[in-house]
Amino acid sequence: MLFGGGLIAVLGSEHIGYGGAGPLGCITAAFVSCYFWTKQGWEIKDVSEHLLQQVAQLILVVVVVVVVVVVVVVVVVVVVVVVVFVFVVVVVVVTGNESVMYNFGNLMH
């Protein structure tokens, strides 16, 4: 009932040209409903602390995942650069042709 009334308030207020009245009506309806539900004996649980802990844990997990991904990417890039460098050095040593190093440098640019 609360959802339906809120939907009608939002869409109806936009239809008649008062776009801000619908959201304000939804907020007002929620507070009035909460007030009368508590007067009827319904217990309102404070979940804000539990929700805050869950959000903090989620943020920590996201930060850890981002750091791990960045570290893995950096390690992979470093390994690729080292492998390519070693390959070029081996080719220069085996062939004795230093122009390979020059040609490889041109390929990188």
N, C-alpha and C. Protein backbone atom coordinates (compact mmCIF):
# COMPACT_ATOMS: atom_id res chain seq x y z
N MET A 1 0.82 -1.17 0.00
CA MET A 1 0.00 0.00 0.00
C MET A 1 0.88 1.26 0.00
N LEU A 2 1.91 1.22 0.80
CA LEU A 2 2.82 2.36 0.86
C LEU A 2 3.54 2.54 -0.48
N PHE A 3 3.98 1.43 -1.07
CA PHE A 3 4.66 1.50 -2.36
C PHE A 3 3.73 2.04 -3.45
N GLY A 4 2.53 1.52 -3.49
CA GLY A 4 1.56 1.98 -4.49
C GLY A 4 1.24 3.45 -4.34
N GLY A 5 1.03 3.89 -3.11
CA GLY A 5 0.77 5.31 -2.87
C GLY A 5 1.94 6.18 -3.27
N GLY A 6 3.14 5.72 -2.98
CA GLY A 6 4.33 6.48 -3.37
C GLY A 6 4.48 6.57 -4.87
N LEU A 7 4.20 5.46 -5.55
CA LEU A 7 4.28 5.44 -7.01
C LEU A 7 3.27 6.41 -7.62
N ILE A 8 2.06 6.37 -7.10
CA ILE A 8 1.02 7.29 -7.59
C ILE A 8 1.41 8.74 -7.30
N ALA A 9 1.99 8.98 -6.12
CA ALA A 9 2.39 10.35 -5.76
C ALA A 9 3.48 10.86 -6.71
N VAL A 10 4.47 10.03 -6.99
CA VAL A 10 5.57 10.48 -7.86
C VAL A 10 5.08 10.70 -9.28
N LEU A 11 4.41 9.70 -9.84
CA LEU A 11 3.96 9.82 -11.23
C LEU A 11 2.87 10.88 -11.37
N GLY A 12 1.96 10.93 -10.41
CA GLY A 12 0.89 11.91 -10.47
C GLY A 12 1.39 13.34 -10.35
N SER A 13 2.37 13.55 -9.47
CA SER A 13 2.89 14.92 -9.31
C SER A 13 3.63 15.37 -10.56
N GLU A 14 4.32 14.45 -11.23
CA GLU A 14 4.98 14.82 -12.48
C GLU A 14 3.95 15.13 -13.56
N HIS A 15 2.86 14.38 -13.57
CA HIS A 15 1.82 14.56 -14.58
C HIS A 15 1.14 15.93 -14.46
N ILE A 16 0.97 16.39 -13.24
CA ILE A 16 0.28 17.67 -13.07
C ILE A 16 1.26 18.85 -13.02
N GLY A 17 2.55 18.57 -13.13
CA GLY A 17 3.52 19.65 -13.21
C GLY A 17 4.22 20.01 -11.91
N TYR A 18 4.02 19.24 -10.86
CA TYR A 18 4.69 19.48 -9.58
C TYR A 18 5.61 18.29 -9.29
N GLY A 19 6.73 18.22 -10.01
CA GLY A 19 7.63 17.06 -9.92
C GLY A 19 8.20 16.81 -8.54
N GLY A 20 8.43 17.84 -7.75
CA GLY A 20 9.03 17.67 -6.43
C GLY A 20 8.05 17.26 -5.36
N ALA A 21 6.76 17.38 -5.64
CA ALA A 21 5.76 17.06 -4.62
C ALA A 21 5.64 15.55 -4.40
N GLY A 22 5.86 14.75 -5.44
CA GLY A 22 5.74 13.30 -5.30
C GLY A 22 6.77 12.70 -4.36
N PRO A 23 8.07 12.97 -4.58
CA PRO A 23 9.08 12.47 -3.64
C PRO A 23 8.87 12.97 -2.22
N LEU A 24 8.46 14.23 -2.08
CA LEU A 24 8.19 14.77 -0.75
C LEU A 24 7.02 14.02 -0.11
N GLY A 25 6.01 13.69 -0.91
CA GLY A 25 4.88 12.91 -0.40
C GLY A 25 5.30 11.51 0.03
N CYS A 26 6.24 10.90 -0.71
CA CYS A 26 6.74 9.56 -0.34
C CYS A 26 7.45 9.60 1.02
N ILE A 27 8.30 10.60 1.20
CA ILE A 27 9.03 10.72 2.46
C ILE A 27 8.05 10.97 3.61
N THR A 28 7.10 11.85 3.38
CA THR A 28 6.11 12.15 4.41
C THR A 28 5.29 10.92 4.75
N ALA A 29 4.87 10.18 3.74
CA ALA A 29 4.07 8.97 3.97
C ALA A 29 4.86 7.94 4.77
N ALA A 30 6.15 7.81 4.48
CA ALA A 30 6.97 6.85 5.21
C ALA A 30 7.07 7.21 6.69
N PHE A 31 7.31 8.49 6.98
CA PHE A 31 7.40 8.91 8.38
C PHE A 31 6.07 8.78 9.11
N VAL A 32 4.98 9.16 8.45
CA VAL A 32 3.66 9.04 9.08
C VAL A 32 3.32 7.58 9.34
N SER A 33 3.63 6.71 8.36
CA SER A 33 3.38 5.27 8.55
C SER A 33 4.18 4.73 9.72
N CYS A 34 5.44 5.09 9.78
CA CYS A 34 6.30 4.63 10.89
C CYS A 34 5.75 5.11 12.23
N TYR A 35 5.29 6.34 12.28
CA TYR A 35 4.74 6.88 13.52
C TYR A 35 3.52 6.08 13.98
N PHE A 36 2.59 5.84 13.06
CA PHE A 36 1.38 5.13 13.45
C PHE A 36 1.62 3.64 13.70
N TRP A 37 2.58 3.04 12.99
CA TRP A 37 2.90 1.64 13.27
C TRP A 37 3.48 1.48 14.68
N THR A 38 4.34 2.42 15.09
CA THR A 38 4.89 2.32 16.45
C THR A 38 3.82 2.58 17.50
N LYS A 39 2.84 3.43 17.20
CA LYS A 39 1.73 3.66 18.14
C LYS A 39 0.86 2.41 18.27
N GLN A 40 0.82 1.58 17.22
CA GLN A 40 0.03 0.35 17.26
C GLN A 40 0.80 -0.78 17.93
N GLY A 41 2.07 -0.56 18.27
CA GLY A 41 2.82 -1.58 18.98
C GLY A 41 3.89 -2.27 18.16
N TRP A 42 4.03 -1.91 16.92
CA TRP A 42 5.09 -2.50 16.11
C TRP A 42 6.44 -2.00 16.61
N GLU A 43 7.41 -2.91 16.69
CA GLU A 43 8.74 -2.55 17.17
C GLU A 43 9.65 -2.23 15.99
N ILE A 44 10.30 -1.11 16.07
CA ILE A 44 11.23 -0.69 15.02
C ILE A 44 12.64 -1.05 15.48
N LYS A 45 13.32 -1.90 14.70
CA LYS A 45 14.67 -2.31 15.04
C LYS A 45 15.67 -1.32 14.46
N ASP A 46 16.69 -1.03 15.25
CA ASP A 46 17.75 -0.15 14.77
C ASP A 46 18.79 -1.01 14.06
N VAL A 47 18.79 -0.94 12.76
CA VAL A 47 19.70 -1.74 11.97
C VAL A 47 20.86 -0.90 11.42
N SER A 48 20.91 0.35 11.81
CA SER A 48 21.92 1.24 11.23
C SER A 48 23.34 0.80 11.57
N GLU A 49 23.58 0.35 12.81
CA GLU A 49 24.93 -0.07 13.19
C GLU A 49 25.34 -1.32 12.43
N HIS A 50 24.42 -2.28 12.32
CA HIS A 50 24.71 -3.51 11.58
C HIS A 50 24.94 -3.20 10.10
N LEU A 51 24.13 -2.32 9.54
CA LEU A 51 24.27 -1.93 8.14
C LEU A 51 25.59 -1.21 7.92
N LEU A 52 25.98 -0.35 8.85
CA LEU A 52 27.24 0.36 8.75
C LEU A 52 28.43 -0.61 8.77
N GLN A 53 28.35 -1.63 9.62
CA GLN A 53 29.42 -2.64 9.66
C GLN A 53 29.51 -3.40 8.35
N GLN A 54 28.36 -3.74 7.77
CA GLN A 54 28.37 -4.45 6.50
C GLN A 54 28.94 -3.59 5.38
N VAL A 55 28.59 -2.32 5.36
CA VAL A 55 29.12 -1.42 4.34
C VAL A 55 30.63 -1.26 4.51
N ALA A 56 31.09 -1.14 5.75
CA ALA A 56 32.53 -1.02 6.00
C ALA A 56 33.27 -2.27 5.54
N GLN A 57 32.70 -3.45 5.81
CA GLN A 57 33.32 -4.69 5.36
C GLN A 57 33.35 -4.77 3.84
N LEU A 58 32.28 -4.35 3.20
CA LEU A 58 32.23 -4.36 1.74
C LEU A 58 33.27 -3.43 1.14
N ILE A 59 33.42 -2.25 1.73
CA ILE A 59 34.42 -1.30 1.25
C ILE A 59 35.83 -1.88 1.43
N LEU A 60 36.08 -2.53 2.56
CA LEU A 60 37.38 -3.15 2.80
C LEU A 60 37.66 -4.23 1.76
N VAL A 61 36.68 -5.06 1.46
CA VAL A 61 36.86 -6.11 0.47
C VAL A 61 37.15 -5.52 -0.90
N VAL A 62 36.43 -4.46 -1.27
CA VAL A 62 36.66 -3.83 -2.57
C VAL A 62 38.06 -3.24 -2.64
N VAL A 63 38.50 -2.59 -1.58
CA VAL A 63 39.85 -2.01 -1.58
C VAL A 63 40.90 -3.11 -1.69
N VAL A 64 40.74 -4.19 -0.97
CA VAL A 64 41.70 -5.30 -1.03
C VAL A 64 41.74 -5.89 -2.44
N VAL A 65 40.58 -6.09 -3.04
CA VAL A 65 40.54 -6.65 -4.40
C VAL A 65 41.22 -5.72 -5.39
N VAL A 66 40.97 -4.42 -5.28
CA VAL A 66 41.60 -3.46 -6.19
C VAL A 66 43.12 -3.47 -6.01
N VAL A 67 43.59 -3.51 -4.78
CA VAL A 67 45.04 -3.54 -4.53
C VAL A 67 45.65 -4.81 -5.09
N VAL A 68 45.00 -5.95 -4.89
CA VAL A 68 45.52 -7.22 -5.42
C VAL A 68 45.57 -7.18 -6.94
N VAL A 69 44.54 -6.66 -7.57
CA VAL A 69 44.53 -6.59 -9.03
C VAL A 69 45.64 -5.68 -9.54
N VAL A 70 45.85 -4.55 -8.89
CA VAL A 70 46.91 -3.63 -9.30
C VAL A 70 48.28 -4.30 -9.14
N VAL A 71 48.49 -4.98 -8.03
CA VAL A 71 49.77 -5.65 -7.80
C VAL A 71 49.99 -6.74 -8.84
N VAL A 72 48.97 -7.52 -9.15
CA VAL A 72 49.10 -8.58 -10.14
C VAL A 72 49.43 -7.99 -11.51
N VAL A 73 48.76 -6.91 -11.88
CA VAL A 73 49.03 -6.28 -13.18
C VAL A 73 50.46 -5.76 -13.24
N VAL A 74 50.92 -5.12 -12.17
CA VAL A 74 52.29 -4.61 -12.14
C VAL A 74 53.29 -5.75 -12.24
N VAL A 75 53.07 -6.83 -11.52
CA VAL A 75 53.98 -7.98 -11.56
C VAL A 75 54.00 -8.58 -12.96
N VAL A 76 52.85 -8.71 -13.60
CA VAL A 76 52.79 -9.27 -14.95
C VAL A 76 53.54 -8.39 -15.93
N VAL A 77 53.37 -7.08 -15.81
CA VAL A 77 54.08 -6.16 -16.72
C VAL A 77 55.58 -6.26 -16.50
N VAL A 78 56.01 -6.30 -15.26
CA VAL A 78 57.44 -6.41 -14.97
C VAL A 78 58.00 -7.72 -15.51
N VAL A 79 57.29 -8.81 -15.33
CA VAL A 79 57.75 -10.11 -15.83
C VAL A 79 57.85 -10.09 -17.36
N VAL A 80 56.86 -9.52 -18.02
CA VAL A 80 56.91 -9.45 -19.49
C VAL A 80 58.09 -8.62 -19.96
N VAL A 81 58.33 -7.48 -19.32
CA VAL A 81 59.47 -6.64 -19.70
C VAL A 81 60.78 -7.38 -19.49
N VAL A 82 60.92 -8.06 -18.38
CA VAL A 82 62.15 -8.81 -18.10
C VAL A 82 62.33 -9.93 -19.12
N VAL A 83 61.28 -10.67 -19.44
CA VAL A 83 61.37 -11.77 -20.40
C VAL A 83 61.77 -11.24 -21.78
N VAL A 84 61.17 -10.15 -22.19
CA VAL A 84 61.52 -9.57 -23.49
C VAL A 84 62.97 -9.09 -23.50
N PHE A 85 63.39 -8.46 -22.42
CA PHE A 85 64.78 -7.99 -22.34
C PHE A 85 65.75 -9.17 -22.41
N VAL A 86 65.48 -10.22 -21.66
CA VAL A 86 66.34 -11.40 -21.68
C VAL A 86 66.36 -12.02 -23.07
N PHE A 87 65.21 -12.08 -23.73
CA PHE A 87 65.14 -12.63 -25.09
C PHE A 87 66.02 -11.84 -26.04
N VAL A 88 65.95 -10.51 -25.97
CA VAL A 88 66.75 -9.67 -26.86
C VAL A 88 68.23 -9.85 -26.56
N VAL A 89 68.60 -9.91 -25.29
CA VAL A 89 70.00 -10.10 -24.93
C VAL A 89 70.50 -11.45 -25.42
N VAL A 90 69.70 -12.50 -25.28
CA VAL A 90 70.10 -13.83 -25.75
C VAL A 90 70.27 -13.82 -27.27
N VAL A 91 69.35 -13.17 -27.98
CA VAL A 91 69.47 -13.10 -29.44
C VAL A 91 70.74 -12.35 -29.84
N VAL A 92 71.06 -11.27 -29.15
CA VAL A 92 72.27 -10.51 -29.46
C VAL A 92 73.51 -11.35 -29.18
N VAL A 93 73.52 -12.07 -28.08
CA VAL A 93 74.68 -12.88 -27.71
C VAL A 93 74.84 -14.04 -28.69
N VAL A 94 73.74 -14.70 -29.04
CA VAL A 94 73.82 -15.87 -29.91
C VAL A 94 74.19 -15.46 -31.34
N THR A 95 73.58 -14.43 -31.86
CA THR A 95 73.84 -14.03 -33.25
C THR A 95 75.04 -13.13 -33.38
N GLY A 96 75.39 -12.44 -32.31
CA GLY A 96 76.49 -11.49 -32.39
C GLY A 96 76.12 -10.25 -33.19
N ASN A 97 74.86 -10.09 -33.47
CA ASN A 97 74.38 -8.98 -34.30
C ASN A 97 73.69 -7.96 -33.41
N GLU A 98 74.34 -6.84 -33.19
CA GLU A 98 73.77 -5.82 -32.30
C GLU A 98 72.66 -5.02 -32.96
N SER A 99 72.51 -5.18 -34.25
CA SER A 99 71.45 -4.45 -34.94
C SER A 99 70.07 -4.97 -34.52
N VAL A 100 70.05 -6.20 -33.97
CA VAL A 100 68.78 -6.75 -33.45
C VAL A 100 68.25 -5.84 -32.35
N MET A 101 69.13 -5.35 -31.49
CA MET A 101 68.74 -4.47 -30.40
C MET A 101 68.14 -3.17 -30.98
N TYR A 102 68.78 -2.64 -32.04
CA TYR A 102 68.30 -1.41 -32.66
C TYR A 102 66.94 -1.65 -33.31
N ASN A 103 66.80 -2.76 -34.03
CA ASN A 103 65.53 -3.07 -34.71
C ASN A 103 64.42 -3.32 -33.67
N PHE A 104 64.77 -4.00 -32.58
CA PHE A 104 63.78 -4.24 -31.54
C PHE A 104 63.33 -2.93 -30.92
N GLY A 105 64.26 -2.01 -30.71
CA GLY A 105 63.90 -0.69 -30.17
C GLY A 105 62.95 0.05 -31.08
N ASN A 106 63.12 -0.08 -32.39
CA ASN A 106 62.23 0.55 -33.35
C ASN A 106 60.84 -0.08 -33.31
N LEU A 107 60.80 -1.39 -33.07
CA LEU A 107 59.49 -2.07 -32.96
C LEU A 107 58.70 -1.58 -31.74
N MET A 108 59.40 -1.28 -30.67
CA MET A 108 58.74 -0.85 -29.44
C MET A 108 58.16 0.54 -29.58
N HIS A 109 58.70 1.37 -30.45
CA HIS A 109 58.20 2.74 -30.62
C HIS A 109 57.24 2.70 -31.74
